[in-house]
């Protein structure tokens, strides 16, 4: 029993130390042990302060996916685009207790993907590669659930539309709509069951 208590206490102290080093301003110790601290913190203990100082999106994003399947005759069949964001919106609309997952899973995974990979879609770190797989798996799971048909590849399209400030004229809103940015991600291979 004493060993279990000592182990729990030691784990708690190490956890508190690593969280402190993660959120503290850069210093010699946090820089020296950054790889160990990051390995402990990510992805389960990530710290951010958005709860206290939220940074709302100033854009609307629509994330769509399509899949590809190679038929027995060798022809590649590509589905039409399916709006994954619309599924999330439908899940929270008119729901008095919407799921946090429905509201944020796809949106947060895309935000993290962009932060880690930038605009070239080539992961340069283990965390970036993990985030790429995470986004791919979310899309593949949803497309598997929605279509039920097998596929070997998936592609995402993200349309980003700036939100016009409230009280702006209609022509300014149309100008904001015209400046929509479309980003087409490369095809990602998935297992034959869509995962």
N, C-alpha and C. Protein backbone atom coordinates (compact mmCIF):
# COMPACT_ATOMS: atom_id res chain seq x y z
N UNK A 1 0.83 -1.19 0.00
CA UNK A 1 0.00 0.00 0.00
C UNK A 1 0.87 1.25 0.00
N UNK A 2 1.94 1.25 0.81
CA UNK A 2 2.82 2.42 0.85
C UNK A 2 3.49 2.66 -0.49
N UNK A 3 3.80 1.58 -1.21
CA UNK A 3 4.42 1.71 -2.52
C UNK A 3 3.47 2.37 -3.51
N UNK A 4 2.19 1.98 -3.47
CA UNK A 4 1.19 2.56 -4.37
C UNK A 4 1.01 4.05 -4.08
N UNK A 5 0.97 4.42 -2.82
CA UNK A 5 0.83 5.82 -2.44
C UNK A 5 2.05 6.61 -2.89
N UNK A 6 3.25 6.05 -2.69
CA UNK A 6 4.49 6.73 -3.12
C UNK A 6 4.52 6.88 -4.63
N UNK A 7 4.07 5.86 -5.36
CA UNK A 7 4.04 5.93 -6.83
C UNK A 7 3.05 6.99 -7.31
N UNK A 8 1.88 7.05 -6.71
CA UNK A 8 0.89 8.07 -7.07
C UNK A 8 1.41 9.47 -6.76
N UNK A 9 2.05 9.63 -5.62
CA UNK A 9 2.59 10.93 -5.25
C UNK A 9 3.70 11.35 -6.21
N UNK A 10 4.58 10.42 -6.56
CA UNK A 10 5.67 10.74 -7.50
C UNK A 10 5.11 11.10 -8.87
N UNK A 11 4.12 10.36 -9.34
CA UNK A 11 3.50 10.65 -10.64
C UNK A 11 2.83 12.02 -10.62
N UNK A 12 2.16 12.35 -9.55
CA UNK A 12 1.51 13.65 -9.42
C UNK A 12 2.54 14.77 -9.43
N UNK A 13 3.63 14.60 -8.72
CA UNK A 13 4.67 15.63 -8.70
C UNK A 13 5.32 15.81 -10.06
N UNK A 14 5.61 14.71 -10.75
CA UNK A 14 6.20 14.80 -12.10
C UNK A 14 5.22 15.48 -13.04
N UNK A 15 3.93 15.12 -12.97
CA UNK A 15 2.92 15.73 -13.81
C UNK A 15 2.84 17.24 -13.56
N UNK A 16 2.79 17.63 -12.30
CA UNK A 16 2.73 19.05 -11.96
C UNK A 16 3.97 19.80 -12.46
N UNK A 17 5.13 19.18 -12.34
CA UNK A 17 6.36 19.80 -12.83
C UNK A 17 6.33 19.97 -14.34
N UNK A 18 5.91 18.93 -15.06
CA UNK A 18 5.86 19.02 -16.53
C UNK A 18 4.84 20.05 -17.00
N UNK A 19 3.67 20.11 -16.34
CA UNK A 19 2.67 21.12 -16.71
C UNK A 19 3.21 22.51 -16.43
N UNK A 20 3.88 22.68 -15.30
CA UNK A 20 4.48 23.98 -14.98
C UNK A 20 5.50 24.38 -16.05
N UNK A 21 6.38 23.45 -16.43
CA UNK A 21 7.39 23.76 -17.45
C UNK A 21 6.74 24.06 -18.80
N UNK A 22 5.60 23.43 -19.07
CA UNK A 22 4.91 23.66 -20.34
C UNK A 22 4.28 25.05 -20.41
N UNK A 23 3.66 25.50 -19.32
CA UNK A 23 2.95 26.78 -19.35
C UNK A 23 3.82 27.96 -18.92
N UNK A 24 4.97 27.69 -18.31
CA UNK A 24 5.86 28.76 -17.86
C UNK A 24 6.52 29.44 -19.06
N UNK A 25 6.92 30.69 -18.90
CA UNK A 25 7.67 31.35 -19.97
C UNK A 25 8.94 30.55 -20.29
N UNK A 26 9.41 30.62 -21.54
CA UNK A 26 10.61 29.86 -21.90
C UNK A 26 11.78 30.17 -20.96
N UNK A 27 12.44 29.11 -20.53
CA UNK A 27 13.60 29.26 -19.66
C UNK A 27 14.57 28.12 -19.97
N UNK A 28 15.70 28.13 -19.30
CA UNK A 28 16.75 27.14 -19.58
C UNK A 28 16.25 25.72 -19.35
N UNK A 29 15.53 25.50 -18.25
CA UNK A 29 15.07 24.15 -17.92
C UNK A 29 14.01 23.67 -18.91
N UNK A 30 13.02 24.54 -19.20
CA UNK A 30 11.96 24.11 -20.12
C UNK A 30 12.49 23.88 -21.53
N UNK A 31 13.49 24.65 -21.94
CA UNK A 31 14.07 24.44 -23.26
C UNK A 31 14.91 23.17 -23.30
N UNK A 32 15.61 22.89 -22.23
CA UNK A 32 16.48 21.70 -22.17
C UNK A 32 15.66 20.41 -22.20
N UNK A 33 14.51 20.43 -21.54
CA UNK A 33 13.67 19.24 -21.45
C UNK A 33 12.39 19.35 -22.27
N UNK A 34 12.40 20.16 -23.30
CA UNK A 34 11.18 20.38 -24.09
C UNK A 34 10.64 19.11 -24.73
N UNK A 35 11.51 18.24 -25.22
CA UNK A 35 11.01 17.01 -25.87
C UNK A 35 10.32 16.10 -24.85
N UNK A 36 10.87 15.99 -23.65
CA UNK A 36 10.23 15.16 -22.62
C UNK A 36 8.92 15.78 -22.15
N UNK A 37 8.93 17.10 -21.98
CA UNK A 37 7.71 17.79 -21.54
C UNK A 37 6.62 17.64 -22.60
N UNK A 38 6.96 17.86 -23.87
CA UNK A 38 5.96 17.74 -24.94
C UNK A 38 5.44 16.31 -25.08
N UNK A 39 6.31 15.33 -24.89
CA UNK A 39 5.88 13.93 -24.96
C UNK A 39 4.87 13.62 -23.86
N UNK A 40 5.03 14.24 -22.70
CA UNK A 40 4.11 14.02 -21.59
C UNK A 40 2.81 14.80 -21.78
N UNK A 41 2.91 16.05 -22.23
CA UNK A 41 1.75 16.93 -22.32
C UNK A 41 0.81 16.56 -23.47
N UNK A 42 1.37 16.34 -24.67
CA UNK A 42 0.53 16.12 -25.85
C UNK A 42 0.23 14.64 -26.02
N UNK A 43 -0.96 14.27 -26.42
CA UNK A 43 -2.10 15.09 -26.74
C UNK A 43 -3.11 15.23 -25.60
N UNK A 44 -2.87 14.56 -24.46
CA UNK A 44 -3.91 14.48 -23.43
C UNK A 44 -3.96 15.65 -22.45
N UNK A 45 -2.84 16.31 -22.19
CA UNK A 45 -2.80 17.34 -21.17
C UNK A 45 -2.52 18.72 -21.74
N UNK A 46 -2.85 18.93 -23.00
CA UNK A 46 -2.57 20.21 -23.65
C UNK A 46 -3.22 21.35 -22.87
N UNK A 47 -2.48 22.42 -22.72
CA UNK A 47 -2.97 23.58 -21.98
C UNK A 47 -3.24 24.73 -22.94
N UNK A 48 -4.42 25.30 -22.83
CA UNK A 48 -4.70 26.55 -23.55
C UNK A 48 -5.67 27.35 -22.70
N UNK A 49 -5.76 28.60 -22.99
CA UNK A 49 -6.54 29.51 -22.14
C UNK A 49 -7.77 30.02 -22.86
N UNK A 50 -8.27 29.30 -23.84
CA UNK A 50 -9.41 29.77 -24.62
C UNK A 50 -10.69 29.85 -23.79
N UNK A 51 -10.76 29.09 -22.72
CA UNK A 51 -11.93 29.16 -21.86
C UNK A 51 -12.04 30.54 -21.22
N UNK A 52 -10.90 31.12 -20.85
CA UNK A 52 -10.90 32.41 -20.16
C UNK A 52 -10.80 33.59 -21.11
N UNK A 53 -10.16 33.40 -22.25
CA UNK A 53 -10.02 34.46 -23.24
C UNK A 53 -10.27 33.86 -24.62
N UNK A 54 -11.53 33.58 -24.94
CA UNK A 54 -11.81 32.90 -26.20
C UNK A 54 -11.42 33.75 -27.40
N UNK A 55 -11.00 33.07 -28.42
CA UNK A 55 -10.61 33.71 -29.67
C UNK A 55 -11.55 33.17 -30.75
N UNK A 56 -12.72 33.78 -30.90
CA UNK A 56 -13.70 33.21 -31.83
C UNK A 56 -13.20 33.28 -33.27
N UNK A 57 -13.65 32.31 -34.03
CA UNK A 57 -13.28 32.30 -35.44
C UNK A 57 -13.89 33.49 -36.15
N UNK A 58 -13.13 34.07 -37.05
CA UNK A 58 -13.64 35.17 -37.87
C UNK A 58 -13.95 34.68 -39.27
N UNK A 59 -14.00 33.37 -39.42
CA UNK A 59 -14.32 32.76 -40.71
C UNK A 59 -15.28 31.60 -40.49
N UNK A 60 -15.99 31.26 -41.53
CA UNK A 60 -16.80 30.05 -41.55
C UNK A 60 -16.10 29.06 -42.45
N UNK A 61 -15.96 27.84 -41.97
CA UNK A 61 -15.31 26.80 -42.75
C UNK A 61 -16.30 25.69 -43.06
N UNK A 62 -16.24 25.22 -44.27
CA UNK A 62 -17.02 24.06 -44.67
C UNK A 62 -16.03 22.98 -45.08
N UNK A 63 -16.05 21.87 -44.37
CA UNK A 63 -15.14 20.76 -44.65
C UNK A 63 -15.95 19.65 -45.31
N UNK A 64 -15.54 19.31 -46.52
CA UNK A 64 -16.21 18.27 -47.29
C UNK A 64 -15.22 17.15 -47.57
N UNK A 65 -15.76 15.98 -47.83
CA UNK A 65 -14.91 14.82 -48.14
C UNK A 65 -15.49 14.05 -49.30
N UNK A 66 -14.60 13.38 -50.02
CA UNK A 66 -15.02 12.44 -51.05
C UNK A 66 -14.09 11.25 -50.97
N UNK A 67 -14.56 10.12 -51.47
CA UNK A 67 -13.78 8.89 -51.39
C UNK A 67 -13.56 8.31 -52.78
N UNK A 68 -12.57 7.44 -52.86
CA UNK A 68 -12.27 6.76 -54.11
C UNK A 68 -12.17 5.26 -53.83
N UNK A 69 -12.71 4.49 -54.77
CA UNK A 69 -12.69 3.03 -54.66
C UNK A 69 -12.29 2.46 -56.00
N UNK A 70 -11.38 1.51 -55.99
CA UNK A 70 -10.96 0.83 -57.22
C UNK A 70 -11.83 -0.40 -57.41
N UNK A 71 -12.56 -0.41 -58.52
CA UNK A 71 -13.45 -1.54 -58.82
C UNK A 71 -12.63 -2.74 -59.30
N UNK A 72 -13.29 -3.87 -59.42
CA UNK A 72 -12.61 -5.09 -59.85
C UNK A 72 -12.03 -4.96 -61.26
N UNK A 73 -12.70 -4.16 -62.09
CA UNK A 73 -12.20 -3.99 -63.47
C UNK A 73 -11.05 -2.98 -63.56
N UNK A 74 -10.64 -2.43 -62.41
CA UNK A 74 -9.51 -1.50 -62.38
C UNK A 74 -9.90 -0.04 -62.48
N UNK A 75 -11.17 0.24 -62.74
CA UNK A 75 -11.60 1.63 -62.83
C UNK A 75 -11.74 2.23 -61.43
N UNK A 76 -11.44 3.50 -61.33
CA UNK A 76 -11.52 4.20 -60.04
C UNK A 76 -12.84 4.96 -59.99
N UNK A 77 -13.59 4.69 -58.95
CA UNK A 77 -14.88 5.36 -58.76
C UNK A 77 -14.73 6.39 -57.65
N UNK A 78 -14.99 7.65 -57.99
CA UNK A 78 -14.87 8.74 -57.03
C UNK A 78 -16.27 9.25 -56.70
N UNK A 79 -16.56 9.35 -55.42
CA UNK A 79 -17.87 9.84 -54.99
C UNK A 79 -17.92 11.36 -55.14
N UNK A 80 -19.11 11.89 -55.04
CA UNK A 80 -19.25 13.34 -55.03
C UNK A 80 -18.89 13.86 -53.63
N UNK A 81 -18.70 15.15 -53.51
CA UNK A 81 -18.33 15.76 -52.22
C UNK A 81 -19.49 15.63 -51.24
N UNK A 82 -19.13 15.31 -49.99
CA UNK A 82 -20.12 15.24 -48.92
C UNK A 82 -19.73 16.24 -47.84
N UNK A 83 -20.66 17.09 -47.44
CA UNK A 83 -20.40 18.17 -46.49
C UNK A 83 -20.42 17.63 -45.05
N UNK A 84 -19.22 17.42 -44.48
CA UNK A 84 -19.11 16.92 -43.11
C UNK A 84 -19.52 17.98 -42.09
N UNK A 85 -19.26 19.24 -42.42
CA UNK A 85 -19.62 20.33 -41.51
C UNK A 85 -21.13 20.42 -41.34
N UNK A 86 -21.87 20.19 -42.41
CA UNK A 86 -23.34 20.25 -42.34
C UNK A 86 -23.88 19.19 -41.39
N UNK A 87 -23.22 18.04 -41.32
CA UNK A 87 -23.64 16.99 -40.38
C UNK A 87 -23.45 17.49 -38.94
N UNK A 88 -22.32 18.16 -38.68
CA UNK A 88 -22.08 18.71 -37.34
C UNK A 88 -23.11 19.78 -36.99
N UNK A 89 -23.39 20.66 -37.93
CA UNK A 89 -24.37 21.73 -37.69
C UNK A 89 -25.74 21.12 -37.42
N UNK A 90 -26.13 20.12 -38.19
CA UNK A 90 -27.43 19.48 -37.98
C UNK A 90 -27.51 18.80 -36.61
N UNK A 91 -26.38 18.29 -36.13
CA UNK A 91 -26.37 17.61 -34.83
C UNK A 91 -26.55 18.57 -33.66
N UNK A 92 -26.16 19.83 -33.84
CA UNK A 92 -26.28 20.78 -32.73
C UNK A 92 -27.46 21.73 -32.87
N UNK A 93 -27.98 21.87 -34.09
CA UNK A 93 -29.10 22.79 -34.31
C UNK A 93 -30.35 22.26 -33.61
N UNK A 94 -31.02 23.11 -32.89
CA UNK A 94 -32.25 22.79 -32.15
C UNK A 94 -32.02 21.73 -31.07
N UNK A 95 -30.78 21.52 -30.66
CA UNK A 95 -30.47 20.57 -29.60
C UNK A 95 -30.13 21.38 -28.35
N UNK A 96 -30.91 21.26 -27.29
CA UNK A 96 -30.64 22.07 -26.10
C UNK A 96 -29.34 21.68 -25.38
N UNK A 97 -28.89 20.46 -25.58
CA UNK A 97 -27.65 19.98 -24.96
C UNK A 97 -26.76 19.35 -26.02
N UNK A 98 -26.21 20.18 -26.92
CA UNK A 98 -25.40 19.60 -28.00
C UNK A 98 -24.09 19.02 -27.48
N UNK A 99 -23.66 18.00 -28.15
CA UNK A 99 -22.42 17.33 -27.78
C UNK A 99 -21.22 18.22 -28.09
N UNK A 100 -20.27 18.25 -27.17
CA UNK A 100 -19.02 18.98 -27.40
C UNK A 100 -18.30 18.41 -28.61
N UNK A 101 -18.38 17.10 -28.78
CA UNK A 101 -17.76 16.44 -29.93
C UNK A 101 -18.38 16.92 -31.23
N UNK A 102 -19.70 17.00 -31.26
CA UNK A 102 -20.36 17.46 -32.48
C UNK A 102 -19.97 18.89 -32.82
N UNK A 103 -19.76 19.70 -31.82
CA UNK A 103 -19.44 21.09 -32.06
C UNK A 103 -18.00 21.32 -32.46
N UNK A 104 -17.08 20.55 -31.91
CA UNK A 104 -15.67 20.94 -32.01
C UNK A 104 -14.71 19.93 -32.61
N UNK A 105 -15.05 18.67 -32.70
CA UNK A 105 -14.08 17.66 -33.10
C UNK A 105 -13.47 17.95 -34.47
N UNK A 106 -14.30 18.10 -35.47
CA UNK A 106 -13.80 18.35 -36.82
C UNK A 106 -13.14 19.71 -36.94
N UNK A 107 -13.77 20.73 -36.36
CA UNK A 107 -13.24 22.10 -36.43
C UNK A 107 -11.89 22.21 -35.74
N UNK A 108 -11.77 21.65 -34.54
CA UNK A 108 -10.50 21.73 -33.81
C UNK A 108 -9.40 20.91 -34.47
N UNK A 109 -9.77 19.76 -35.03
CA UNK A 109 -8.75 18.95 -35.71
C UNK A 109 -8.23 19.68 -36.94
N UNK A 110 -9.11 20.40 -37.66
CA UNK A 110 -8.65 21.18 -38.81
C UNK A 110 -7.75 22.32 -38.36
N UNK A 111 -8.13 23.03 -37.31
CA UNK A 111 -7.32 24.13 -36.80
C UNK A 111 -5.94 23.64 -36.39
N UNK A 112 -5.88 22.53 -35.69
CA UNK A 112 -4.59 21.97 -35.27
C UNK A 112 -3.78 21.51 -36.48
N UNK A 113 -4.45 20.96 -37.47
CA UNK A 113 -3.78 20.52 -38.70
C UNK A 113 -3.09 21.71 -39.37
N UNK A 114 -3.80 22.80 -39.51
CA UNK A 114 -3.24 23.99 -40.17
C UNK A 114 -2.10 24.57 -39.34
N UNK A 115 -2.25 24.60 -38.02
CA UNK A 115 -1.19 25.14 -37.16
C UNK A 115 0.10 24.32 -37.30
N UNK A 116 -0.03 23.00 -37.42
CA UNK A 116 1.15 22.14 -37.44
C UNK A 116 1.73 21.90 -38.84
N UNK A 117 0.87 21.91 -39.86
CA UNK A 117 1.36 21.58 -41.20
C UNK A 117 1.42 22.79 -42.13
N UNK A 118 0.78 23.87 -41.76
CA UNK A 118 0.81 25.04 -42.64
C UNK A 118 0.05 24.78 -43.92
N UNK A 119 0.59 25.26 -45.03
CA UNK A 119 -0.12 25.16 -46.29
C UNK A 119 0.40 24.11 -47.24
N UNK A 120 1.44 23.36 -46.86
CA UNK A 120 2.01 22.43 -47.83
C UNK A 120 1.66 20.96 -47.59
N UNK A 121 0.94 20.64 -46.52
CA UNK A 121 0.45 19.29 -46.23
C UNK A 121 1.54 18.25 -46.06
N UNK A 122 2.76 18.67 -45.72
CA UNK A 122 3.85 17.74 -45.46
C UNK A 122 4.24 17.83 -43.99
N UNK A 123 3.97 16.77 -43.20
CA UNK A 123 4.31 16.82 -41.78
C UNK A 123 5.82 16.84 -41.58
N UNK A 124 6.26 17.72 -40.69
CA UNK A 124 7.69 17.85 -40.40
C UNK A 124 8.03 17.45 -38.97
N UNK A 125 7.05 16.90 -38.27
CA UNK A 125 7.28 16.44 -36.91
C UNK A 125 6.34 15.28 -36.63
N UNK A 126 6.64 14.55 -35.58
CA UNK A 126 5.78 13.42 -35.20
C UNK A 126 4.39 13.91 -34.82
N UNK A 127 4.31 15.07 -34.17
CA UNK A 127 3.01 15.63 -33.79
C UNK A 127 2.20 16.02 -35.02
N UNK A 128 2.86 16.61 -36.03
CA UNK A 128 2.17 16.98 -37.26
C UNK A 128 1.66 15.74 -38.00
N UNK A 129 2.47 14.69 -38.01
CA UNK A 129 2.05 13.44 -38.65
C UNK A 129 0.87 12.83 -37.90
N UNK A 130 0.91 12.90 -36.56
CA UNK A 130 -0.20 12.40 -35.77
C UNK A 130 -1.48 13.18 -36.07
N UNK A 131 -1.36 14.51 -36.20
CA UNK A 131 -2.54 15.33 -36.46
C UNK A 131 -3.10 15.04 -37.85
N UNK A 132 -2.22 14.78 -38.82
CA UNK A 132 -2.68 14.44 -40.16
C UNK A 132 -3.47 13.13 -40.13
N UNK A 133 -2.96 12.14 -39.42
CA UNK A 133 -3.66 10.86 -39.30
C UNK A 133 -4.98 11.02 -38.55
N UNK A 134 -4.97 11.89 -37.53
CA UNK A 134 -6.17 12.13 -36.74
C UNK A 134 -7.28 12.72 -37.62
N UNK A 135 -6.94 13.74 -38.41
CA UNK A 135 -7.93 14.36 -39.29
C UNK A 135 -8.42 13.35 -40.33
N UNK A 136 -7.48 12.59 -40.90
CA UNK A 136 -7.85 11.57 -41.89
C UNK A 136 -8.80 10.54 -41.28
N UNK A 137 -8.51 10.09 -40.05
CA UNK A 137 -9.34 9.08 -39.40
C UNK A 137 -10.73 9.61 -39.07
N UNK A 138 -10.82 10.86 -38.65
CA UNK A 138 -12.14 11.44 -38.38
C UNK A 138 -12.97 11.44 -39.66
N UNK A 139 -12.38 11.92 -40.75
CA UNK A 139 -13.10 11.96 -42.02
C UNK A 139 -13.45 10.56 -42.51
N UNK A 140 -12.50 9.63 -42.40
CA UNK A 140 -12.75 8.26 -42.86
C UNK A 140 -13.86 7.59 -42.03
N UNK A 141 -13.83 7.78 -40.73
CA UNK A 141 -14.88 7.21 -39.87
C UNK A 141 -16.25 7.76 -40.25
N UNK A 142 -16.32 9.05 -40.47
CA UNK A 142 -17.60 9.66 -40.81
C UNK A 142 -18.10 9.20 -42.18
N UNK A 143 -17.20 9.12 -43.14
CA UNK A 143 -17.61 8.67 -44.47
C UNK A 143 -18.01 7.19 -44.45
N UNK A 144 -17.33 6.39 -43.64
CA UNK A 144 -17.71 4.98 -43.50
C UNK A 144 -19.11 4.87 -42.91
N UNK A 145 -19.38 5.66 -41.87
CA UNK A 145 -20.69 5.64 -41.24
C UNK A 145 -21.78 6.14 -42.18
N UNK A 146 -21.45 7.14 -43.00
CA UNK A 146 -22.46 7.75 -43.87
C UNK A 146 -22.75 6.92 -45.12
N UNK A 147 -21.71 6.39 -45.74
CA UNK A 147 -21.94 5.70 -47.02
C UNK A 147 -22.06 4.20 -46.86
N UNK A 148 -21.26 3.62 -45.96
CA UNK A 148 -21.29 2.18 -45.79
C UNK A 148 -20.62 1.42 -46.92
N UNK A 149 -20.07 2.14 -47.90
CA UNK A 149 -19.42 1.49 -49.04
C UNK A 149 -17.91 1.50 -48.82
N UNK A 150 -17.21 0.49 -49.33
CA UNK A 150 -15.75 0.45 -49.14
C UNK A 150 -15.04 1.52 -49.97
N UNK A 151 -13.92 1.97 -49.47
CA UNK A 151 -13.08 2.91 -50.22
C UNK A 151 -11.65 2.77 -49.74
N UNK A 152 -10.72 3.16 -50.61
CA UNK A 152 -9.30 3.02 -50.30
C UNK A 152 -8.60 4.36 -50.14
N UNK A 153 -9.26 5.44 -50.52
CA UNK A 153 -8.64 6.77 -50.42
C UNK A 153 -9.71 7.79 -50.09
N UNK A 154 -9.26 8.85 -49.42
CA UNK A 154 -10.18 9.93 -49.05
C UNK A 154 -9.49 11.26 -49.30
N UNK A 155 -10.28 12.25 -49.69
CA UNK A 155 -9.75 13.58 -49.94
C UNK A 155 -10.66 14.60 -49.26
N UNK A 156 -10.05 15.63 -48.70
CA UNK A 156 -10.82 16.69 -48.04
C UNK A 156 -10.72 17.99 -48.83
N UNK A 157 -11.79 18.75 -48.77
CA UNK A 157 -11.83 20.09 -49.35
C UNK A 157 -12.33 21.02 -48.26
N UNK A 158 -11.61 22.11 -48.05
CA UNK A 158 -11.99 23.07 -47.01
C UNK A 158 -12.23 24.43 -47.67
N UNK A 159 -13.43 24.92 -47.52
CA UNK A 159 -13.79 26.23 -48.05
C UNK A 159 -13.88 27.18 -46.87
N UNK A 160 -13.05 28.24 -46.91
CA UNK A 160 -13.01 29.21 -45.83
C UNK A 160 -13.62 30.52 -46.33
N UNK A 161 -14.64 30.97 -45.62
CA UNK A 161 -15.36 32.17 -45.99
C UNK A 161 -15.27 33.18 -44.87
N UNK A 162 -14.70 34.37 -45.12
CA UNK A 162 -14.63 35.38 -44.06
C UNK A 162 -16.02 35.80 -43.60
N UNK A 163 -16.15 36.04 -42.31
CA UNK A 163 -17.41 36.51 -41.76
C UNK A 163 -17.42 38.02 -41.82
N UNK A 164 -18.45 38.56 -42.46
CA UNK A 164 -18.56 40.02 -42.55
C UNK A 164 -18.97 40.57 -41.20
N UNK A 165 -18.44 41.71 -40.85
CA UNK A 165 -18.78 42.34 -39.57
C UNK A 165 -20.26 42.66 -39.53
N UNK A 166 -20.84 42.61 -38.34
CA UNK A 166 -22.26 42.91 -38.23
C UNK A 166 -22.51 44.35 -38.62
N UNK A 167 -23.63 44.56 -39.28
CA UNK A 167 -23.99 45.92 -39.71
C UNK A 167 -23.36 46.33 -41.02
N UNK A 168 -22.67 45.43 -41.71
CA UNK A 168 -22.07 45.80 -42.98
C UNK A 168 -23.12 45.75 -44.08
N UNK A 169 -22.86 46.49 -45.11
CA UNK A 169 -23.79 46.57 -46.24
C UNK A 169 -23.79 45.26 -47.01
N UNK A 170 -24.87 45.03 -47.76
CA UNK A 170 -25.00 43.80 -48.54
C UNK A 170 -23.86 43.64 -49.54
N UNK A 171 -23.42 44.73 -50.14
CA UNK A 171 -22.35 44.60 -51.13
C UNK A 171 -21.04 44.17 -50.45
N UNK A 172 -20.84 44.61 -49.18
CA UNK A 172 -19.66 44.17 -48.45
C UNK A 172 -19.75 42.68 -48.11
N UNK A 173 -20.96 42.21 -47.82
CA UNK A 173 -21.14 40.79 -47.55
C UNK A 173 -20.88 39.97 -48.81
N UNK A 174 -21.35 40.48 -49.97
CA UNK A 174 -21.09 39.78 -51.23
C UNK A 174 -19.60 39.77 -51.54
N UNK A 175 -18.90 40.85 -51.20
CA UNK A 175 -17.45 40.90 -51.43
C UNK A 175 -16.74 39.87 -50.55
N UNK A 176 -17.22 39.72 -49.31
CA UNK A 176 -16.64 38.72 -48.42
C UNK A 176 -16.89 37.33 -48.98
N UNK A 177 -18.08 37.08 -49.53
CA UNK A 177 -18.39 35.78 -50.13
C UNK A 177 -17.50 35.50 -51.33
N UNK A 178 -17.19 36.54 -52.09
CA UNK A 178 -16.36 36.36 -53.28
C UNK A 178 -14.92 36.02 -52.92
N UNK A 179 -14.50 36.39 -51.71
CA UNK A 179 -13.11 36.14 -51.32
C UNK A 179 -12.95 34.80 -50.60
N UNK A 180 -13.88 33.88 -50.81
CA UNK A 180 -13.78 32.55 -50.21
C UNK A 180 -12.53 31.85 -50.73
N UNK A 181 -11.88 31.13 -49.83
CA UNK A 181 -10.66 30.40 -50.18
C UNK A 181 -10.96 28.90 -50.11
N UNK A 182 -10.59 28.19 -51.17
CA UNK A 182 -10.80 26.75 -51.22
C UNK A 182 -9.45 26.05 -51.17
N UNK A 183 -9.33 25.11 -50.26
CA UNK A 183 -8.09 24.33 -50.13
C UNK A 183 -8.42 22.86 -50.33
N UNK A 184 -7.75 22.26 -51.29
CA UNK A 184 -7.94 20.86 -51.62
C UNK A 184 -6.75 20.08 -51.09
N UNK A 185 -7.00 19.16 -50.17
CA UNK A 185 -5.93 18.35 -49.61
C UNK A 185 -5.62 17.18 -50.53
N UNK A 186 -4.44 16.60 -50.41
CA UNK A 186 -4.11 15.46 -51.26
C UNK A 186 -4.94 14.23 -50.88
N UNK A 187 -4.98 13.27 -51.79
CA UNK A 187 -5.66 12.01 -51.48
C UNK A 187 -4.85 11.27 -50.42
N UNK A 188 -5.56 10.76 -49.41
CA UNK A 188 -4.93 9.97 -48.36
C UNK A 188 -5.40 8.54 -48.49
N UNK A 189 -4.46 7.61 -48.40
CA UNK A 189 -4.80 6.19 -48.44
C UNK A 189 -5.40 5.77 -47.11
N UNK A 190 -6.41 4.93 -47.17
CA UNK A 190 -7.00 4.35 -45.96
C UNK A 190 -7.16 2.85 -46.21
N UNK A 191 -7.35 2.09 -45.14
CA UNK A 191 -7.53 0.65 -45.27
C UNK A 191 -8.84 0.37 -46.01
N UNK A 192 -9.00 -0.84 -46.48
CA UNK A 192 -10.16 -1.17 -47.30
C UNK A 192 -11.47 -1.04 -46.56
N UNK A 193 -11.45 -1.06 -45.22
CA UNK A 193 -12.68 -0.87 -44.46
C UNK A 193 -12.95 0.60 -44.19
N UNK A 194 -12.12 1.50 -44.76
CA UNK A 194 -12.33 2.93 -44.59
C UNK A 194 -11.62 3.49 -43.39
N UNK A 195 -10.72 2.73 -42.77
CA UNK A 195 -10.03 3.24 -41.58
C UNK A 195 -8.54 3.12 -41.72
